Amino acid sequence: MHSVLVRLLAAGSSTNINIQPGQAGNLPGDQTLVALASGVGHWALLASIVGVIVGGVMWAFGHFSHNYQQSYSGRRGVIVSGVAALLIGASSQIIGFFFTQGVNLH
């Protein structure tokens, strides 16, 4: 199996196969998949908002009740939810960056 994969990769590099996923808009179901990805991103952002709110409440209650474990868990929830929202918002730019870097490999 490994040798077949190596031969296919070697054949692909010698025949100059050019794959351009950015020009695949003519495929059926393209708009449905775009709408699905947008919907999943929307729900993920809503979950991040809820995570920030719940984490902030836990952080505050833990701080004022001197429950340091709850305070730490709330702080961690706020940070993780914030980072998740950052990654969700930047997902298309991150994927685009790595795709561009992959295209430029020779």
C-alpha atoms as a PDB file:
ATOM      1  CA  MET A   1       0.000   0.000   0.000  1.00  0.00           C
ATOM      2  CA  HIS A   2       2.798   2.387   0.922  1.00  0.00           C
ATOM      3  CA  SER A   3       4.697   1.780  -2.321  1.00  0.00           C
ATOM      4  CA  VAL A   4       1.534   2.421  -4.372  1.00  0.00           C
ATOM      5  CA  LEU A   5       1.049   5.767  -2.593  1.00  0.00           C
ATOM      6  CA  VAL A   6       4.677   6.734  -3.182  1.00  0.00           C
ATOM      7  CA  ARG A   7       4.346   5.895  -6.899  1.00  0.00           C
ATOM      8  CA  LEU A   8       1.136   7.930  -7.189  1.00  0.00           C
ATOM      9  CA  LEU A   9       2.724  10.924  -5.488  1.00  0.00           C
ATOM     10  CA  ALA A  10       5.807  10.664  -7.699  1.00  0.00           C
ATOM     11  CA  ALA A  11       3.634  10.378 -10.803  1.00  0.00           C
ATOM     12  CA  GLY A  12       1.571  13.389  -9.719  1.00  0.00           C
ATOM     13  CA  SER A  13       4.623  15.586  -9.283  1.00  0.00           C
ATOM     14  CA  SER A  14       6.071  14.590 -12.659  1.00  0.00           C
ATOM     15  CA  THR A  15       2.824  15.116 -14.616  1.00  0.00           C
ATOM     16  CA  ASN A  16       2.157  18.589 -13.153  1.00  0.00           C
ATOM     17  CA  ILE A  17      -1.317  17.805 -11.824  1.00  0.00           C
ATOM     18  CA  ASN A  18      -2.892  21.086 -10.801  1.00  0.00           C
ATOM     19  CA  ILE A  19      -5.769  21.013  -8.316  1.00  0.00           C
ATOM     20  CA  GLN A  20      -7.659  24.282  -7.800  1.00  0.00           C
ATOM     21  CA  PRO A  21     -10.406  23.870  -5.187  1.00  0.00           C
ATOM     22  CA  GLY A  22     -11.208  27.591  -5.352  1.00  0.00           C
ATOM     23  CA  GLN A  23     -12.648  27.074  -8.837  1.00  0.00           C
ATOM     24  CA  ALA A  24     -14.990  24.227  -7.910  1.00  0.00           C
ATOM     25  CA  GLY A  25     -18.105  26.428  -7.784  1.00  0.00           C
ATOM     26  CA  ASN A  26     -19.764  24.505 -10.605  1.00  0.00           C
ATOM     27  CA  LEU A  27     -20.194  21.345  -8.547  1.00  0.00           C
ATOM     28  CA  PRO A  28     -23.717  20.485  -7.425  1.00  0.00           C
ATOM     29  CA  GLY A  29     -24.390  21.159  -3.771  1.00  0.00           C
ATOM     30  CA  ASP A  30     -21.695  23.814  -3.443  1.00  0.00           C
ATOM     31  CA  GLN A  31     -24.087  26.455  -2.109  1.00  0.00           C
ATOM     32  CA  THR A  32     -25.628  23.931   0.290  1.00  0.00           C
ATOM     33  CA  LEU A  33     -22.229  23.113   1.779  1.00  0.00           C
ATOM     34  CA  VAL A  34     -21.372  26.814   2.088  1.00  0.00           C
ATOM     35  CA  ALA A  35     -24.678  27.421   3.869  1.00  0.00           C
ATOM     36  CA  LEU A  36     -24.050  24.419   6.137  1.00  0.00           C
ATOM     37  CA  ALA A  37     -20.562  25.640   7.065  1.00  0.00           C
ATOM     38  CA  SER A  38     -21.925  29.127   7.774  1.00  0.00           C
ATOM     39  CA  GLY A  39     -24.669  27.676   9.946  1.00  0.00           C
ATOM     40  CA  VAL A  40     -22.250  25.543  11.938  1.00  0.00           C
ATOM     41  CA  GLY A  41     -20.008  28.591  12.410  1.00  0.00           C
ATOM     42  CA  HIS A  42     -22.992  30.609  13.646  1.00  0.00           C
ATOM     43  CA  TRP A  43     -23.950  27.964  16.212  1.00  0.00           C
ATOM     44  CA  ALA A  44     -20.318  27.651  17.322  1.00  0.00           C
ATOM     45  CA  LEU A  45     -20.113  31.418  17.887  1.00  0.00           C
ATOM     46  CA  LEU A  46     -23.341  31.310  19.896  1.00  0.00           C
ATOM     47  CA  ALA A  47     -21.838  28.521  22.027  1.00  0.00           C
ATOM     48  CA  SER A  48     -18.726  30.658  22.538  1.00  0.00           C
ATOM     49  CA  ILE A  49     -20.856  33.574  23.711  1.00  0.00           C
ATOM     50  CA  VAL A  50     -22.658  31.331  26.190  1.00  0.00           C
ATOM     51  CA  GLY A  51     -19.288  29.989  27.356  1.00  0.00           C
ATOM     52  CA  VAL A  52     -17.965  33.485  28.003  1.00  0.00           C
ATOM     53  CA  ILE A  53     -21.105  34.443  29.942  1.00  0.00           C
ATOM     54  CA  VAL A  54     -21.212  31.263  32.042  1.00  0.00           C
ATOM     55  CA  GLY A  55     -17.458  31.384  32.638  1.00  0.00           C
ATOM     56  CA  GLY A  56     -17.656  35.029  33.693  1.00  0.00           C
ATOM     57  CA  VAL A  57     -20.443  34.301  36.162  1.00  0.00           C
ATOM     58  CA  MET A  58     -18.522  31.336  37.594  1.00  0.00           C
ATOM     59  CA  TRP A  59     -15.369  33.436  37.830  1.00  0.00           C
ATOM     60  CA  ALA A  60     -17.192  36.215  39.710  1.00  0.00           C
ATOM     61  CA  PHE A  61     -19.051  33.920  42.106  1.00  0.00           C
ATOM     62  CA  GLY A  62     -15.901  31.923  42.771  1.00  0.00           C
ATOM     63  CA  HIS A  63     -13.896  35.053  43.445  1.00  0.00           C
ATOM     64  CA  PHE A  64     -16.388  36.644  45.822  1.00  0.00           C
ATOM     65  CA  SER A  65     -17.141  33.395  47.682  1.00  0.00           C
ATOM     66  CA  HIS A  66     -13.421  32.568  48.025  1.00  0.00           C
ATOM     67  CA  ASN A  67     -13.920  29.355  46.070  1.00  0.00           C
ATOM     68  CA  TYR A  68     -10.699  29.412  44.102  1.00  0.00           C
ATOM     69  CA  GLN A  69     -11.403  26.230  42.169  1.00  0.00           C
ATOM     70  CA  GLN A  70     -14.644  27.692  40.808  1.00  0.00           C
ATOM     71  CA  SER A  71     -12.894  30.966  40.073  1.00  0.00           C
ATOM     72  CA  TYR A  72     -10.149  29.146  38.152  1.00  0.00           C
ATOM     73  CA  SER A  73     -12.709  27.075  36.214  1.00  0.00           C
ATOM     74  CA  GLY A  74     -14.643  30.204  35.271  1.00  0.00           C
ATOM     75  CA  ARG A  75     -11.502  32.013  34.144  1.00  0.00           C
ATOM     76  CA  ARG A  76     -10.477  29.013  32.083  1.00  0.00           C
ATOM     77  CA  GLY A  77     -13.973  28.905  30.518  1.00  0.00           C
ATOM     78  CA  VAL A  78     -13.753  32.575  29.534  1.00  0.00           C
ATOM     79  CA  ILE A  79     -10.312  32.141  27.980  1.00  0.00           C
ATOM     80  CA  VAL A  80     -11.179  28.935  26.129  1.00  0.00           C
ATOM     81  CA  SER A  81     -14.425  30.421  24.791  1.00  0.00           C
ATOM     82  CA  GLY A  82     -12.594  33.561  23.672  1.00  0.00           C
ATOM     83  CA  VAL A  83      -9.921  31.559  21.873  1.00  0.00           C
ATOM     84  CA  ALA A  84     -12.627  29.402  20.270  1.00  0.00           C
ATOM     85  CA  ALA A  85     -14.385  32.530  18.957  1.00  0.00           C
ATOM     86  CA  LEU A  86     -11.060  33.830  17.648  1.00  0.00           C
ATOM     87  CA  LEU A  87     -10.399  30.582  15.776  1.00  0.00           C
ATOM     88  CA  ILE A  88     -13.957  30.443  14.410  1.00  0.00           C
ATOM     89  CA  GLY A  89     -13.711  34.006  13.139  1.00  0.00           C
ATOM     90  CA  ALA A  90     -10.296  33.469  11.576  1.00  0.00           C
ATOM     91  CA  SER A  91     -10.968  29.974  10.221  1.00  0.00           C
ATOM     92  CA  SER A  92     -11.291  30.958   6.562  1.00  0.00           C
ATOM     93  CA  GLN A  93      -8.131  33.088   6.723  1.00  0.00           C
ATOM     94  CA  ILE A  94      -6.209  30.288   8.474  1.00  0.00           C
ATOM     95  CA  ILE A  95      -7.293  27.718   5.887  1.00  0.00           C
ATOM     96  CA  GLY A  96      -6.557  30.160   3.067  1.00  0.00           C
ATOM     97  CA  PHE A  97      -3.080  30.841   4.445  1.00  0.00           C
ATOM     98  CA  PHE A  98      -2.163  27.168   4.670  1.00  0.00           C
ATOM     99  CA  PHE A  99      -3.678  26.436   1.247  1.00  0.00           C
ATOM    100  CA  THR A 100      -1.593  29.247  -0.279  1.00  0.00           C
ATOM    101  CA  GLN A 101       1.517  27.910   1.421  1.00  0.00           C
ATOM    102  CA  GLY A 102       0.755  24.422   0.088  1.00  0.00           C
ATOM    103  CA  VAL A 103       0.262  25.720  -3.442  1.00  0.00           C
ATOM    104  CA  ASN A 104       3.614  27.504  -3.284  1.00  0.00           C
ATOM    105  CA  LEU A 105       5.511  24.322  -2.334  1.00  0.00           C
ATOM    106  CA  HIS A 106       7.676  22.949  -5.122  1.00  0.00           C
END
